């Protein structure tokens, strides 16, 4: 009985591995690499969107981009939106996870209902919130007038800073269930013996949260913050449907600016330059996330 040499087997396994991974690499190149290279290439041209015809301008798009005030305003709005909605998501997400972790009789139902905002269609959610925010017949203004908080209806989506505050609130409501799911999963793995020992030592609820719960949640919260920061930074549909970037450009973020340049002003080259800059900013978050993930694995 003859045996196949070890080196020959290794080569066959290596070839089989390449064959199995080839479809994934092909899809990756088609879906990610090609659009990325195309965006960088288009950003070096002055292109008219309807015809996709234009001329080479080199780095002129990037020079114009950095010198315009609209870019910096949109970037500032992007930071305000991302930080604001992220803070609310973390605060309310952790608080709700702590409540749902308790032994409540309606816990199973509450855990199911808390996922509703995350799974509901963005279009449907925006329509509901626009009705709530309406300055003429919205229930929010009605309740605030009845409670004596305001005398006249507020324009929640048509004036600043009300528009930005409203967008942040809706974004936090829409995406905080993700934080609840992740934090609740981690809470269920914390040993109960730690809390029992803390109670014996006389630690109160706040002390147990600060000394036991929060350190145990630190790693998962870092990952949540990085992931949600990446996803919120590139958010488009919710802001576009709520305010369209208005009033004027008060809630316009970089994704909305890319859309405006490409399809409203028909400047595809400039839109590609904005997209490339936005990708570079998001790459920083991604590198931090990858580094944090590797640190957790090690």
Foldseek 3Di string as FASTA:
>chain_A
DDDDDPVVVVVVVVVVVCVVCVVVVVVCCVPPVVVLVVLVVLLQWFAFQVVRDTGGNGCVLVVVLVPDPLNVLQAVLLVCLLVLLLVLLQVVLLVVLVVLLDPDPCSVVVLVVLCVLQPDDLLVLLVVLCQLLDQPRHVVQVVCCVVVVDVGGDNQCADPPSNSVSLSVSSNSNPSSVSNVQLNVQVVPFDVVLVVVCVVVPDDPVRCCVVPVCVSCVLVVVLVSLVSSLVSSLDDDNSCSNHNCDPVNNNNHLNSVLVCCCPVVSGNNSSSSSVSVSVVVNVVSVVVNVVSVVVVVD
